[in-house]
Amino acid sequence: MALKRVGTPVVLTGVLLCTGLVGCTEENPSPAPLPTQSTESTQSSSPSDTATPSPSETPPVLPAAARGTSENAAKAFAGYYVDVVNFAMRTGETASLRALATAGCTTCIAISDRIQEVYDQGGRLEGRGWRVLNMSYLPLGRSDEALVSTGITITSQRAFEGPSGQPSESPASRGNLDFRLKAVESAWRVYRLDATQ
C-alpha cells in the first residue's frame, strides 16, 4: 500500500486494499506546497486488534475537542475521521463516515464505496486500520477552511471479496494524508483528501 504522487492529481495507491483512489476537490486546484505552522504528535485511538466486529459495536462518538471550527477542533476532527474509517473497515457501516465529508470529496466517497462494496458482497476487511502518527495545522486564508496534514501508518490489510473468496492482501505502509476541511454549519467536514509525499 504505497502512497505516491502521480502527475498532477494526487493518487492514493492501495490505501484501501489495492484500490487507487484519486484526490478530490470541489474546485480541483493544484495543491500548493505545505508550510508548517503548528505541529504536534498525536495518535488516534488504537484500532481494535481483532478483525471481527462486536455485534453491538457502535460508531465512534465525535469527541468534544472536535466540535467547532478552531485549530484544535480541526486536528481532533482529522483524528476522529481516521477512527471512523477504522470503524467502517471493521463493520462495513459507512453512513457515519459519509456524514463527515462534503458531497464533492471524491476520495472520501471512494473510500466509503469500496468498504461498502466488500461488505455488500458478503465479504469483510481484516487489519488494524489507519493510525495517525503526527499532524500539523495550516489555515487556508479563509476562516471557514483549514488543512490538517497527517503522518499515517496503514497496517497490512486483507480483503475477502465474498463469503468464501480468497483474500487480496495489501502490505503495511506509511505516508501523509492532507485533510482539507470546510466549516459547514459550525463543524468541520472533509472537502478534499490527498495523499502526499
Protein backbone atom coordinates (compact mmCIF):
# COMPACT_ATOMS: atom_id res chain seq x y z
CA MET A 1 0.00 0.00 0.00
CA ALA A 2 2.42 2.63 -1.09
CA LEU A 3 1.31 6.23 -1.05
CA LYS A 4 2.62 8.17 -4.01
CA ARG A 5 2.02 11.21 -6.17
CA VAL A 6 1.32 10.54 -9.84
CA GLY A 7 1.33 13.52 -12.22
CA THR A 8 -0.88 16.46 -11.27
CA PRO A 9 -3.68 14.61 -9.47
CA VAL A 10 -2.74 13.09 -6.17
CA VAL A 11 -3.40 9.37 -6.03
CA LEU A 12 -3.63 7.02 -3.08
CA THR A 13 -2.31 3.75 -4.46
CA GLY A 14 -3.61 0.87 -2.46
CA VAL A 15 -4.61 2.87 0.61
CA LEU A 16 -7.62 0.67 0.78
CA LEU A 17 -6.98 -2.86 -0.32
CA CYS A 18 -5.11 -2.35 -3.59
CA THR A 19 -7.61 0.28 -4.76
CA GLY A 20 -6.28 3.50 -6.32
CA LEU A 21 -8.23 6.49 -5.08
CA VAL A 22 -7.92 9.92 -6.68
CA GLY A 23 -7.56 13.09 -4.59
CA CYS A 24 -10.73 15.11 -4.54
CA THR A 25 -11.84 18.69 -4.52
CA GLU A 26 -14.85 20.78 -5.29
CA GLU A 27 -12.83 23.28 -7.36
CA ASN A 28 -9.94 20.91 -8.31
CA PRO A 29 -6.99 23.32 -7.81
CA SER A 30 -3.43 22.04 -7.80
CA PRO A 31 -2.21 21.62 -4.23
CA ALA A 32 0.30 24.19 -3.03
CA PRO A 33 3.41 23.24 -1.06
CA LEU A 34 2.65 22.88 2.62
CA PRO A 35 4.40 25.14 5.07
CA THR A 36 4.00 24.00 8.65
CA GLN A 37 2.66 26.37 11.25
CA SER A 38 1.94 24.29 14.28
CA THR A 39 2.89 20.68 14.62
CA GLU A 40 2.06 18.19 17.29
CA SER A 41 2.50 14.48 17.62
CA THR A 42 -0.73 12.62 18.18
CA GLN A 43 -2.27 9.23 17.87
CA SER A 44 -5.87 8.39 17.21
CA SER A 45 -7.29 5.74 19.43
CA SER A 46 -5.77 2.39 18.63
CA PRO A 47 -7.71 0.26 16.20
CA SER A 48 -9.04 -2.99 17.53
CA ASP A 49 -6.65 -5.93 17.44
CA THR A 50 -9.47 -8.14 16.22
CA ALA A 51 -10.81 -8.02 12.70
CA THR A 52 -14.24 -9.32 13.68
CA PRO A 53 -16.54 -6.59 14.96
CA SER A 54 -18.67 -6.97 18.02
CA PRO A 55 -22.32 -7.39 17.03
CA SER A 56 -23.13 -4.38 19.20
CA GLU A 57 -20.22 -2.19 18.09
CA THR A 58 -21.30 1.40 17.64
CA PRO A 59 -19.65 4.19 15.66
CA PRO A 60 -17.10 6.36 17.47
CA VAL A 61 -18.64 9.44 19.08
CA LEU A 62 -17.38 12.84 17.95
CA PRO A 63 -15.16 13.99 20.82
CA ALA A 64 -15.88 17.35 22.42
CA ALA A 65 -12.44 18.53 21.25
CA ALA A 66 -13.51 18.05 17.60
CA ARG A 67 -16.58 20.29 17.90
CA GLY A 68 -16.41 23.77 16.42
CA THR A 69 -14.06 25.21 13.82
CA SER A 70 -10.93 26.10 15.79
CA GLU A 71 -7.40 24.83 15.08
CA ASN A 72 -7.67 22.30 17.91
CA ALA A 73 -11.08 21.18 16.65
CA ALA A 74 -9.63 20.68 13.14
CA LYS A 75 -6.86 18.43 14.47
CA ALA A 76 -9.25 16.47 16.66
CA PHE A 77 -11.67 16.13 13.73
CA ALA A 78 -8.96 14.66 11.45
CA GLY A 79 -8.14 12.08 14.16
CA TYR A 80 -11.83 11.33 14.56
CA TYR A 81 -12.19 10.83 10.78
CA VAL A 82 -9.43 8.18 10.95
CA ASP A 83 -11.24 6.47 13.85
CA VAL A 84 -14.45 6.38 11.79
CA VAL A 85 -12.57 4.94 8.76
CA ASN A 86 -11.31 2.16 11.05
CA PHE A 87 -14.81 1.54 12.39
CA ALA A 88 -16.22 1.34 8.84
CA MET A 89 -13.48 -1.10 7.82
CA ARG A 90 -14.26 -3.36 10.80
CA THR A 91 -18.04 -3.29 10.42
CA GLY A 92 -18.99 -2.29 6.87
CA GLU A 93 -21.13 0.55 8.26
CA THR A 94 -20.27 3.59 6.14
CA ALA A 95 -23.07 6.07 6.95
CA SER A 96 -21.05 7.62 9.79
CA LEU A 97 -18.02 8.01 7.51
CA ARG A 98 -20.05 9.54 4.68
CA ALA A 99 -21.52 12.11 7.08
CA LEU A 100 -18.04 13.55 7.76
CA ALA A 101 -17.36 14.69 4.19
CA THR A 102 -18.89 17.08 1.69
CA ALA A 103 -20.56 15.71 -1.43
CA GLY A 104 -17.59 16.95 -3.50
CA CYS A 105 -14.90 14.88 -1.75
CA THR A 106 -14.45 12.11 -4.30
CA THR A 107 -11.69 10.36 -2.34
CA CYS A 108 -13.93 10.25 0.73
CA ILE A 109 -16.75 8.80 -1.36
CA ALA A 110 -14.40 6.26 -3.00
CA ILE A 111 -13.17 5.02 0.39
CA SER A 112 -16.74 4.62 1.67
CA ASP A 113 -17.89 2.98 -1.58
CA ARG A 114 -15.01 0.48 -1.52
CA ILE A 115 -15.73 -0.56 2.05
CA GLN A 116 -19.44 -0.88 1.35
CA GLU A 117 -18.79 -2.87 -1.85
CA VAL A 118 -16.77 -5.51 0.03
CA TYR A 119 -19.40 -5.93 2.75
CA ASP A 120 -22.34 -5.84 0.28
CA GLN A 121 -20.76 -8.87 -1.47
CA GLY A 122 -20.72 -10.76 1.83
CA GLY A 123 -17.03 -10.09 2.32
CA ARG A 124 -15.05 -8.50 5.09
CA LEU A 125 -11.91 -6.47 5.72
CA GLU A 126 -9.22 -7.54 8.14
CA GLY A 127 -6.44 -5.41 9.55
CA ARG A 128 -5.77 -2.93 12.30
CA GLY A 129 -6.56 0.08 10.12
CA TRP A 130 -5.05 3.53 10.00
CA ARG A 131 -3.11 5.24 12.78
CA VAL A 132 -2.22 8.92 12.98
CA LEU A 133 1.45 9.45 13.80
CA ASN A 134 1.55 13.26 13.79
CA MET A 135 -0.30 16.24 12.44
CA SER A 136 0.13 19.90 11.63
CA TYR A 137 -2.45 22.61 11.05
CA LEU A 138 -2.44 25.33 8.41
CA PRO A 139 -5.21 27.88 7.84
CA LEU A 140 -6.01 28.26 4.14
CA GLY A 141 -6.60 32.02 4.07
CA ARG A 142 -10.31 31.82 4.80
CA SER A 143 -11.81 31.45 8.25
CA ASP A 144 -14.03 28.61 7.03
CA GLU A 145 -11.24 26.41 5.59
CA ALA A 146 -8.20 24.66 7.04
CA LEU A 147 -5.67 22.00 6.21
CA VAL A 148 -4.54 19.29 8.61
CA SER A 149 -1.54 17.38 7.30
CA THR A 150 -1.12 13.99 8.97
CA GLY A 151 1.50 11.30 9.02
CA ILE A 152 -0.39 8.00 8.75
CA THR A 153 0.52 4.36 9.21
CA ILE A 154 -1.75 1.91 7.43
CA THR A 155 -1.43 -1.65 8.69
CA SER A 156 -1.44 -4.66 6.39
CA GLN A 157 -4.94 -5.36 5.14
CA ARG A 158 -6.80 -8.38 3.81
CA ALA A 159 -9.98 -8.06 1.77
CA PHE A 160 -12.28 -11.03 1.42
CA GLU A 161 -14.41 -10.13 -1.61
CA GLY A 162 -17.15 -12.62 -0.74
CA PRO A 163 -18.07 -15.13 1.94
CA SER A 164 -15.77 -17.82 0.52
CA GLY A 165 -13.33 -15.82 -1.61
CA GLN A 166 -9.58 -15.82 -1.30
CA PRO A 167 -8.30 -12.63 0.31
CA SER A 168 -6.35 -9.97 -1.52
CA GLU A 169 -3.59 -8.58 0.63
CA SER A 170 -2.01 -5.15 0.91
CA PRO A 171 1.22 -4.66 2.85
CA ALA A 172 1.57 -2.09 5.61
CA SER A 173 2.65 1.39 4.58
CA ARG A 174 3.37 4.83 5.92
CA GLY A 175 2.64 8.15 4.26
CA ASN A 176 0.94 11.50 4.58
CA LEU A 177 -2.69 12.46 4.17
CA ASP A 178 -3.82 16.06 3.84
CA PHE A 179 -7.30 16.73 5.14
CA ARG A 180 -8.71 19.91 3.62
CA LEU A 181 -11.56 20.96 5.85
CA LYS A 182 -14.50 23.29 5.34
CA ALA A 183 -16.73 24.69 8.08
CA VAL A 184 -20.28 23.51 7.44
CA GLU A 185 -22.91 24.52 9.99
CA SER A 186 -20.22 25.35 12.58
CA ALA A 187 -18.49 21.97 12.23
CA TRP A 188 -15.59 20.72 10.12
CA ARG A 189 -16.20 18.47 7.10
CA VAL A 190 -13.60 16.99 4.72
CA TYR A 191 -13.88 18.53 1.25
CA ARG A 192 -10.63 17.13 -0.10
CA LEU A 193 -8.39 14.26 0.98
CA ASP A 194 -4.97 13.86 -0.65
CA ALA A 195 -2.02 11.55 -0.23
CA THR A 196 1.26 13.47 -0.31
CA GLN A 197 4.93 12.59 -0.01
